[in-house]
Protein backbone atom coordinates (compact mmCIF):
# COMPACT_ATOMS: atom_id res chain seq x y z
CA UNK A 1 0.00 0.00 0.00
CA UNK A 2 1.36 3.38 -0.95
CA UNK A 3 -1.35 5.86 0.11
CA UNK A 4 -4.82 6.10 1.60
CA UNK A 5 -7.27 8.99 1.21
CA UNK A 6 -10.43 9.23 3.28
CA UNK A 7 -13.09 11.92 3.00
CA UNK A 8 -16.53 12.42 4.53
CA UNK A 9 -19.20 14.26 2.54
CA UNK A 10 -21.63 14.53 5.48
CA UNK A 11 -19.73 15.21 8.70
CA UNK A 12 -22.97 15.46 10.70
CA UNK A 13 -23.56 11.74 10.06
CA UNK A 14 -20.08 10.26 9.47
CA UNK A 15 -16.62 11.41 10.54
CA UNK A 16 -13.27 9.68 10.15
CA UNK A 17 -11.66 8.95 13.48
CA UNK A 18 -8.43 7.63 11.94
CA UNK A 19 -7.29 7.03 8.38
CA UNK A 20 -3.62 6.31 7.83
CA UNK A 21 -0.88 4.00 6.69
CA UNK A 22 1.89 3.04 9.08
CA UNK A 23 5.22 1.63 7.95
CA UNK A 24 6.05 -1.36 10.16
CA UNK A 25 9.11 -2.47 8.23
CA UNK A 26 10.67 -1.91 4.84
CA UNK A 27 8.22 -4.24 3.08
CA UNK A 28 5.21 -4.02 5.37
CA UNK A 29 2.68 -1.20 5.68
CA UNK A 30 -0.49 -1.43 7.77
CA UNK A 31 -3.79 0.30 7.01
CA UNK A 32 -6.08 1.72 9.68
CA UNK A 33 -9.39 3.28 8.62
CA UNK A 34 -11.82 3.92 11.46
CA UNK A 35 -15.04 5.84 10.88
CA UNK A 36 -17.46 7.16 13.50
CA UNK A 37 -21.10 6.78 12.45
CA UNK A 38 -23.05 9.27 14.59
CA UNK A 39 -26.57 8.09 13.68
CA UNK A 40 -27.68 4.50 12.98
CA UNK A 41 -27.29 3.47 9.33
CA UNK A 42 -29.76 0.84 8.09
CA UNK A 43 -29.68 1.18 4.28
CA UNK A 44 -26.01 0.83 3.28
CA UNK A 45 -24.57 0.30 -0.21
CA UNK A 46 -20.89 0.16 -1.15
CA UNK A 47 -19.51 1.09 -4.55
CA UNK A 48 -16.32 -0.81 -5.44
CA UNK A 49 -14.12 0.49 -8.21
CA UNK A 50 -10.59 -0.62 -9.11
CA UNK A 51 -8.50 1.61 -11.33
CA UNK A 52 -5.08 0.96 -12.88
CA UNK A 53 -2.52 3.69 -13.39
CA UNK A 54 -1.66 4.28 -17.03
CA UNK A 55 -1.31 8.00 -17.86
CA UNK A 56 -3.64 8.69 -14.94
CA UNK A 57 -5.94 6.21 -13.26
CA UNK A 58 -8.17 4.36 -15.74
CA UNK A 59 -11.13 2.09 -14.95
CA UNK A 60 -10.01 -1.52 -14.81
CA UNK A 61 -11.51 -4.88 -13.88
CA UNK A 62 -13.90 -3.99 -11.05
CA UNK A 63 -16.81 -1.56 -11.02
CA UNK A 64 -19.93 -2.59 -9.10
CA UNK A 65 -22.21 -1.65 -6.22
CA UNK A 66 -23.57 -3.99 -3.53
CA UNK A 67 -26.18 -3.82 -0.80
CA UNK A 68 -23.96 -4.22 2.26
CA UNK A 69 -26.71 -5.32 4.64
CA UNK A 70 -27.84 -8.05 2.23
CA UNK A 71 -24.24 -9.09 1.56
CA UNK A 72 -23.56 -9.61 5.27
CA UNK A 73 -26.55 -11.99 5.41
CA UNK A 74 -25.97 -13.99 2.19
CA UNK A 75 -22.42 -13.27 0.82
CA UNK A 76 -23.71 -13.17 -2.75
CA UNK A 77 -20.99 -11.16 -4.54
CA UNK A 78 -17.72 -13.06 -5.27
CA UNK A 79 -15.34 -10.05 -5.44
CA UNK A 80 -16.76 -8.53 -2.25
CA UNK A 81 -16.47 -11.97 -0.64
CA UNK A 82 -12.73 -12.04 -1.45
CA UNK A 83 -12.24 -8.57 0.07
CA UNK A 84 -14.28 -9.50 3.15
CA UNK A 85 -12.21 -12.66 3.68
CA UNK A 86 -9.05 -10.51 3.62
CA UNK A 87 -10.28 -8.04 6.26
CA UNK A 88 -12.50 -10.24 8.47
CA UNK A 89 -9.88 -10.70 11.22
CA UNK A 90 -8.99 -7.00 11.52
CA UNK A 91 -12.38 -5.34 10.98
CA UNK A 92 -15.54 -4.54 12.90
CA UNK A 93 -17.62 -4.69 9.71
CA UNK A 94 -18.69 -8.32 10.09
CA UNK A 95 -22.01 -7.77 11.86
CA UNK A 96 -25.42 -7.03 10.39
CA UNK A 97 -27.04 -3.63 10.03
CA UNK A 98 -27.50 -1.12 11.63
CA UNK A 99 -24.06 0.40 12.05
CA UNK A 100 -23.40 3.02 14.70
CA UNK A 101 -20.32 4.15 16.59
CA UNK A 102 -16.73 3.41 15.57
CA UNK A 103 -16.38 0.88 12.74
CA UNK A 104 -13.61 0.04 10.32
CA UNK A 105 -10.39 -1.87 9.95
CA UNK A 106 -7.26 -1.64 12.07
CA UNK A 107 -3.71 -2.77 11.22
CA UNK A 108 -4.57 -4.52 7.96
CA UNK A 109 -1.59 -5.74 5.92
CA UNK A 110 -1.94 -9.40 4.97
CA UNK A 111 -2.98 -10.05 1.36
CA UNK A 112 -1.80 -13.67 1.35
CA UNK A 113 -5.39 -14.85 0.87
CA UNK A 114 -5.78 -12.88 -2.37
CA UNK A 115 -6.45 -15.50 -5.07
CA UNK A 116 -6.39 -13.03 -7.97
CA UNK A 117 -3.04 -12.39 -9.62
CA UNK A 118 -2.88 -8.87 -10.99
CA UNK A 119 -0.47 -7.60 -13.62
CA UNK A 120 2.40 -5.55 -12.23
CA UNK A 121 1.40 -1.93 -11.75
CA UNK A 122 -0.07 0.79 -9.58
CA UNK A 123 -3.73 0.45 -8.58
CA UNK A 124 -6.43 2.36 -6.77
CA UNK A 125 -9.27 0.67 -4.89
CA UNK A 126 -12.03 3.25 -4.52
CA UNK A 127 -14.80 2.49 -2.01
CA UNK A 128 -17.84 4.79 -1.95
CA UNK A 129 -20.06 4.27 1.09
CA UNK A 130 -23.69 5.15 0.41
CA UNK A 131 -26.25 5.55 3.22
CA UNK A 132 -29.91 6.01 2.22
CA UNK A 133 -28.91 6.34 -1.45
CA UNK A 134 -26.60 9.34 -0.80
CA UNK A 135 -22.78 9.07 -0.85
CA UNK A 136 -21.59 9.71 2.70
CA UNK A 137 -17.84 9.01 2.59
CA UNK A 138 -15.08 7.51 0.44
CA UNK A 139 -12.03 5.41 1.14
CA UNK A 140 -9.34 5.33 -1.57
CA UNK A 141 -6.51 2.84 -1.12
CA UNK A 142 -3.54 3.16 -3.49
CA UNK A 143 -1.25 0.16 -3.83
CA UNK A 144 1.48 -1.28 -6.02
CA UNK A 145 1.36 -4.91 -7.09
CA UNK A 146 4.49 -6.71 -8.34
CA UNK A 147 4.24 -10.20 -9.84
């Protein structure tokens, strides 16, 4: 991971408590993204988008939106299932709706369970969190993948 950018569009509902990368060693960087949801959120959707850097970031491979509350009950989307399996041990996002209080991931670094082999390059994973059909906050994770 090379960078993380977090932004809240509605600070009266959602505020980032912590959003940062921490270098643990030369080859290991951990991600912490904790968000404080001030009011209960029942209708949550997440927009996943992966972009590859080639003269700017271009859409690549992944671009979809899921109903997060339904996903936590049935695990119906394969790409979201892969991402959830990566973060399940370090996140508080593995319970059903509603969400309130501090939620997020802390000290995430292990991508050993990633079954997809990507071509070498720089990537951006853009997550748009949508509550009641309005974008509330975004989490952009930049990373470099080397075969």
